């Protein structure tokens, strides 16, 4: 899948979406990296 976004924005957008849904910054800080770790070598 090709994204037209710069690669640095993908984790930021995932964390922002999770923050919006979840509401807790501590939970976002713990959950977002677990979603994103499989994407990076």
C-alpha atoms as a PDB file:
ATOM      1  CA  UNK A   1       0.000   0.000   0.000  1.00  0.00           C
ATOM      2  CA  UNK A   2       1.455   3.348  -1.018  1.00  0.00           C
ATOM      3  CA  UNK A   3       0.728   6.401   1.079  1.00  0.00           C
ATOM      4  CA  UNK A   4       1.226   9.905  -0.176  1.00  0.00           C
ATOM      5  CA  UNK A   5       1.950  11.079   3.396  1.00  0.00           C
ATOM      6  CA  UNK A   6       5.477  11.523   4.699  1.00  0.00           C
ATOM      7  CA  UNK A   7       6.403   8.548   6.845  1.00  0.00           C
ATOM      8  CA  UNK A   8       6.860  10.705   9.943  1.00  0.00           C
ATOM      9  CA  UNK A   9       3.169  11.685   9.896  1.00  0.00           C
ATOM     10  CA  UNK A  10       1.768   8.144  10.061  1.00  0.00           C
ATOM     11  CA  UNK A  11       2.529   7.534  13.774  1.00  0.00           C
ATOM     12  CA  UNK A  12       1.332  11.042  14.611  1.00  0.00           C
ATOM     13  CA  UNK A  13      -1.990  10.529  12.831  1.00  0.00           C
ATOM     14  CA  UNK A  14      -2.533   7.115  14.436  1.00  0.00           C
ATOM     15  CA  UNK A  15      -1.844   8.562  17.880  1.00  0.00           C
ATOM     16  CA  UNK A  16      -4.090  11.564  17.208  1.00  0.00           C
ATOM     17  CA  UNK A  17      -6.964   9.342  16.108  1.00  0.00           C
ATOM     18  CA  UNK A  18      -6.483   7.089  19.122  1.00  0.00           C
ATOM     19  CA  UNK A  19      -6.353  10.121  21.437  1.00  0.00           C
ATOM     20  CA  UNK A  20      -9.618  11.398  19.965  1.00  0.00           C
ATOM     21  CA  UNK A  21     -11.396   8.087  20.467  1.00  0.00           C
ATOM     22  CA  UNK A  22      -9.829   7.082  23.781  1.00  0.00           C
ATOM     23  CA  UNK A  23      -9.497  10.439  25.525  1.00  0.00           C
ATOM     24  CA  UNK A  24      -6.634   9.328  27.751  1.00  0.00           C
ATOM     25  CA  UNK A  25      -3.128  10.494  26.892  1.00  0.00           C
ATOM     26  CA  UNK A  26      -1.468   7.845  29.061  1.00  0.00           C
ATOM     27  CA  UNK A  27      -3.394   5.058  27.335  1.00  0.00           C
ATOM     28  CA  UNK A  28      -2.570   6.578  23.941  1.00  0.00           C
ATOM     29  CA  UNK A  29       1.116   6.696  24.861  1.00  0.00           C
ATOM     30  CA  UNK A  30       1.013   2.978  25.713  1.00  0.00           C
ATOM     31  CA  UNK A  31      -1.288   1.681  22.962  1.00  0.00           C
ATOM     32  CA  UNK A  32      -0.120   3.622  19.883  1.00  0.00           C
ATOM     33  CA  UNK A  33       3.425   2.157  19.819  1.00  0.00           C
ATOM     34  CA  UNK A  34       2.032  -1.374  20.069  1.00  0.00           C
ATOM     35  CA  UNK A  35      -0.046  -0.713  16.939  1.00  0.00           C
ATOM     36  CA  UNK A  36       2.871   0.790  15.051  1.00  0.00           C
ATOM     37  CA  UNK A  37       5.788  -1.520  15.988  1.00  0.00           C
ATOM     38  CA  UNK A  38       4.919  -4.211  13.395  1.00  0.00           C
ATOM     39  CA  UNK A  39       5.141  -1.595  10.613  1.00  0.00           C
ATOM     40  CA  UNK A  40       8.797  -0.748  11.208  1.00  0.00           C
ATOM     41  CA  UNK A  41      11.769  -3.052  10.609  1.00  0.00           C
END
